[in-house]
Amino acid sequence: MTEPCPDGVCVTCSDVAVPVRVLRLLEDGLAVVETESGPEEVSVALVDARAGDIVLVHAKEAIAVRPYGGETHEHGQ
C-alpha cells in the first residue's frame, strides 16, 4: 500500500466495518458501492445484496446487509 489510510485507520488491519450503499451489482459476486471517497468495487459474494441496500464492508468484502429498519443480518439469517 503506497497511500496512508484516511484518518490514520486501516479498515483492513482494524476491526472496522463501514456501511455503504450498493449502487449496482456486477458479475462474479461484485458490486459498485458509494463510499465517502466515491464509488468503489467490493465483493458481495457472502451476502444477498441488491441495488439500494446498505451493506457493511470490511476489507472490500460485504459481510452483512442492513435492512431498512436499521438492524443488520448476516448471510443466511
N, C-alpha and C. Protein backbone atom coordinates (compact mmCIF):
# COMPACT_ATOMS: atom_id res chain seq x y z
N MET A 1 0.85 -1.17 0.00
CA MET A 1 0.00 0.00 0.00
C MET A 1 0.89 1.23 0.00
N THR A 2 0.68 2.12 -0.94
CA THR A 2 1.53 3.29 -1.06
C THR A 2 0.94 4.53 -0.42
N GLU A 3 -0.38 4.60 -0.31
CA GLU A 3 -1.02 5.76 0.29
C GLU A 3 -1.41 5.46 1.73
N PRO A 4 -1.27 6.45 2.62
CA PRO A 4 -1.71 6.21 4.00
C PRO A 4 -3.23 6.11 4.05
N CYS A 5 -3.72 5.39 5.04
CA CYS A 5 -5.17 5.23 5.19
C CYS A 5 -5.78 6.54 5.68
N PRO A 6 -6.99 6.86 5.23
CA PRO A 6 -7.65 8.08 5.71
C PRO A 6 -7.84 8.04 7.22
N ASP A 7 -7.67 9.15 7.85
CA ASP A 7 -7.85 9.30 9.30
C ASP A 7 -6.89 8.42 10.10
N GLY A 8 -5.85 7.87 9.47
CA GLY A 8 -4.87 7.07 10.19
C GLY A 8 -5.39 5.71 10.62
N VAL A 9 -6.54 5.27 10.11
CA VAL A 9 -7.12 3.97 10.47
C VAL A 9 -7.20 3.11 9.23
N CYS A 10 -6.66 1.92 9.32
CA CYS A 10 -6.70 0.99 8.20
C CYS A 10 -7.85 0.01 8.41
N VAL A 11 -8.87 0.04 7.53
CA VAL A 11 -10.01 -0.86 7.72
C VAL A 11 -9.63 -2.31 7.46
N THR A 12 -8.53 -2.55 6.78
CA THR A 12 -8.08 -3.92 6.57
C THR A 12 -7.45 -4.48 7.84
N CYS A 13 -6.67 -3.67 8.53
CA CYS A 13 -5.95 -4.12 9.73
C CYS A 13 -6.79 -3.99 11.00
N SER A 14 -7.69 -3.04 11.04
CA SER A 14 -8.50 -2.85 12.24
C SER A 14 -9.78 -3.67 12.13
N ASP A 15 -10.55 -3.68 13.18
CA ASP A 15 -11.79 -4.46 13.20
C ASP A 15 -12.96 -3.53 12.91
N VAL A 16 -12.97 -2.93 11.70
CA VAL A 16 -13.95 -1.92 11.34
C VAL A 16 -14.75 -2.38 10.12
N ALA A 17 -16.05 -2.24 10.18
CA ALA A 17 -16.91 -2.46 9.02
C ALA A 17 -17.59 -1.13 8.71
N VAL A 18 -17.60 -0.75 7.45
CA VAL A 18 -18.10 0.55 7.02
C VAL A 18 -19.43 0.36 6.28
N PRO A 19 -20.49 1.09 6.69
CA PRO A 19 -21.75 0.99 5.96
C PRO A 19 -21.67 1.77 4.65
N VAL A 20 -22.07 1.14 3.54
CA VAL A 20 -22.08 1.78 2.22
C VAL A 20 -23.33 1.34 1.47
N ARG A 21 -23.76 2.15 0.51
CA ARG A 21 -24.94 1.83 -0.29
C ARG A 21 -24.52 1.16 -1.60
N VAL A 22 -25.21 0.07 -1.94
CA VAL A 22 -24.96 -0.63 -3.20
C VAL A 22 -25.58 0.17 -4.34
N LEU A 23 -24.76 0.59 -5.29
CA LEU A 23 -25.25 1.32 -6.45
C LEU A 23 -25.72 0.39 -7.55
N ARG A 24 -24.91 -0.64 -7.84
CA ARG A 24 -25.30 -1.62 -8.85
C ARG A 24 -24.50 -2.89 -8.65
N LEU A 25 -25.11 -4.00 -9.05
CA LEU A 25 -24.45 -5.29 -8.98
C LEU A 25 -23.71 -5.55 -10.28
N LEU A 26 -22.55 -6.19 -10.17
CA LEU A 26 -21.74 -6.59 -11.31
C LEU A 26 -21.72 -8.10 -11.37
N GLU A 27 -21.04 -8.64 -12.35
CA GLU A 27 -20.88 -10.09 -12.45
C GLU A 27 -19.88 -10.59 -11.42
N ASP A 28 -19.86 -11.89 -11.22
CA ASP A 28 -18.88 -12.57 -10.37
C ASP A 28 -18.93 -12.15 -8.91
N GLY A 29 -20.12 -11.82 -8.38
CA GLY A 29 -20.26 -11.51 -6.97
C GLY A 29 -19.69 -10.17 -6.56
N LEU A 30 -19.60 -9.23 -7.48
CA LEU A 30 -19.07 -7.90 -7.19
C LEU A 30 -20.18 -6.86 -7.29
N ALA A 31 -19.93 -5.70 -6.68
CA ALA A 31 -20.87 -4.59 -6.75
C ALA A 31 -20.11 -3.28 -6.70
N VAL A 32 -20.73 -2.25 -7.23
CA VAL A 32 -20.22 -0.89 -7.08
C VAL A 32 -21.01 -0.28 -5.94
N VAL A 33 -20.28 0.27 -4.95
CA VAL A 33 -20.91 0.88 -3.78
C VAL A 33 -20.47 2.33 -3.67
N GLU A 34 -21.28 3.14 -3.00
CA GLU A 34 -20.96 4.54 -2.77
C GLU A 34 -20.29 4.67 -1.41
N THR A 35 -19.05 5.15 -1.40
CA THR A 35 -18.31 5.38 -0.16
C THR A 35 -18.10 6.88 0.01
N GLU A 36 -17.55 7.27 1.15
CA GLU A 36 -17.23 8.68 1.37
C GLU A 36 -16.22 9.19 0.34
N SER A 37 -15.40 8.29 -0.19
CA SER A 37 -14.38 8.66 -1.18
C SER A 37 -14.90 8.57 -2.61
N GLY A 38 -16.13 8.13 -2.81
CA GLY A 38 -16.69 7.95 -4.14
C GLY A 38 -16.97 6.48 -4.40
N PRO A 39 -17.37 6.14 -5.62
CA PRO A 39 -17.71 4.76 -5.95
C PRO A 39 -16.50 3.83 -5.84
N GLU A 40 -16.75 2.63 -5.31
CA GLU A 40 -15.71 1.60 -5.21
C GLU A 40 -16.32 0.25 -5.53
N GLU A 41 -15.50 -0.67 -6.00
CA GLU A 41 -15.93 -2.03 -6.29
C GLU A 41 -15.59 -2.91 -5.10
N VAL A 42 -16.59 -3.67 -4.62
CA VAL A 42 -16.39 -4.58 -3.50
C VAL A 42 -17.03 -5.93 -3.82
N SER A 43 -16.69 -6.94 -3.05
CA SER A 43 -17.31 -8.25 -3.19
C SER A 43 -18.59 -8.30 -2.36
N VAL A 44 -19.65 -8.83 -2.95
CA VAL A 44 -20.90 -9.08 -2.23
C VAL A 44 -21.23 -10.57 -2.28
N ALA A 45 -20.21 -11.38 -2.49
CA ALA A 45 -20.40 -12.83 -2.65
C ALA A 45 -20.94 -13.50 -1.39
N LEU A 46 -20.69 -12.93 -0.21
CA LEU A 46 -21.11 -13.54 1.04
C LEU A 46 -22.49 -13.12 1.51
N VAL A 47 -23.09 -12.13 0.85
CA VAL A 47 -24.38 -11.60 1.29
C VAL A 47 -25.37 -11.58 0.13
N ASP A 48 -26.64 -11.47 0.47
CA ASP A 48 -27.70 -11.37 -0.53
C ASP A 48 -28.08 -9.91 -0.67
N ALA A 49 -27.29 -9.14 -1.42
CA ALA A 49 -27.49 -7.70 -1.55
C ALA A 49 -28.12 -7.36 -2.89
N ARG A 50 -28.87 -6.25 -2.88
CA ARG A 50 -29.48 -5.71 -4.10
C ARG A 50 -29.12 -4.24 -4.20
N ALA A 51 -29.28 -3.68 -5.38
CA ALA A 51 -29.06 -2.24 -5.57
C ALA A 51 -29.95 -1.48 -4.59
N GLY A 52 -29.37 -0.50 -3.92
CA GLY A 52 -30.10 0.29 -2.93
C GLY A 52 -29.88 -0.16 -1.50
N ASP A 53 -29.44 -1.40 -1.30
CA ASP A 53 -29.18 -1.91 0.05
C ASP A 53 -27.97 -1.22 0.69
N ILE A 54 -28.00 -1.14 2.01
CA ILE A 54 -26.83 -0.72 2.77
C ILE A 54 -26.14 -1.99 3.24
N VAL A 55 -24.85 -2.12 2.93
CA VAL A 55 -24.08 -3.28 3.37
C VAL A 55 -22.93 -2.82 4.24
N LEU A 56 -22.50 -3.68 5.15
CA LEU A 56 -21.32 -3.41 5.96
C LEU A 56 -20.14 -4.07 5.27
N VAL A 57 -19.10 -3.27 4.99
CA VAL A 57 -17.94 -3.74 4.23
C VAL A 57 -16.70 -3.70 5.11
N HIS A 58 -15.96 -4.80 5.09
CA HIS A 58 -14.67 -4.90 5.76
C HIS A 58 -13.68 -5.47 4.76
N ALA A 59 -12.59 -4.76 4.52
CA ALA A 59 -11.53 -5.21 3.61
C ALA A 59 -12.09 -5.55 2.23
N LYS A 60 -12.96 -4.66 1.71
CA LYS A 60 -13.56 -4.79 0.37
C LYS A 60 -14.49 -6.00 0.24
N GLU A 61 -14.97 -6.53 1.36
CA GLU A 61 -15.91 -7.66 1.36
C GLU A 61 -17.15 -7.27 2.16
N ALA A 62 -18.33 -7.32 1.53
CA ALA A 62 -19.57 -7.08 2.26
C ALA A 62 -19.81 -8.26 3.19
N ILE A 63 -20.02 -7.97 4.48
CA ILE A 63 -20.17 -9.04 5.46
C ILE A 63 -21.58 -9.10 6.05
N ALA A 64 -22.40 -8.08 5.81
CA ALA A 64 -23.78 -8.08 6.30
C ALA A 64 -24.57 -7.06 5.52
N VAL A 65 -25.89 -7.27 5.47
CA VAL A 65 -26.81 -6.33 4.84
C VAL A 65 -27.61 -5.67 5.95
N ARG A 66 -27.71 -4.36 5.91
CA ARG A 66 -28.50 -3.64 6.91
C ARG A 66 -29.90 -3.44 6.32
N PRO A 67 -30.91 -4.06 6.91
CA PRO A 67 -32.27 -3.86 6.40
C PRO A 67 -32.72 -2.42 6.65
N TYR A 68 -33.79 -2.04 6.02
CA TYR A 68 -34.25 -0.67 6.12
C TYR A 68 -34.60 -0.26 7.53
N GLY A 69 -34.89 -1.22 8.43
CA GLY A 69 -35.19 -0.90 9.82
C GLY A 69 -33.96 -0.56 10.64
N GLY A 70 -32.75 -0.82 10.14
CA GLY A 70 -31.54 -0.43 10.84
C GLY A 70 -30.75 -1.57 11.43
N GLU A 71 -31.39 -2.72 11.75
CA GLU A 71 -30.63 -3.85 12.28
C GLU A 71 -29.90 -4.54 11.14
N THR A 72 -28.83 -5.25 11.46
CA THR A 72 -28.10 -5.96 10.42
C THR A 72 -28.36 -7.45 10.51
N HIS A 73 -28.23 -8.13 9.38
CA HIS A 73 -28.32 -9.58 9.37
C HIS A 73 -27.21 -10.13 8.50
N GLU A 74 -26.70 -11.27 8.89
CA GLU A 74 -25.64 -11.90 8.13
C GLU A 74 -26.25 -12.84 7.12
N HIS A 75 -25.47 -13.23 6.14
CA HIS A 75 -25.94 -14.13 5.08
C HIS A 75 -26.54 -15.38 5.70
N GLY A 76 -27.72 -15.74 5.23
CA GLY A 76 -28.37 -16.96 5.69
C GLY A 76 -29.25 -16.79 6.91
N GLN A 77 -29.35 -15.60 7.45
CA GLN A 77 -30.19 -15.39 8.63
C GLN A 77 -31.42 -14.58 8.28
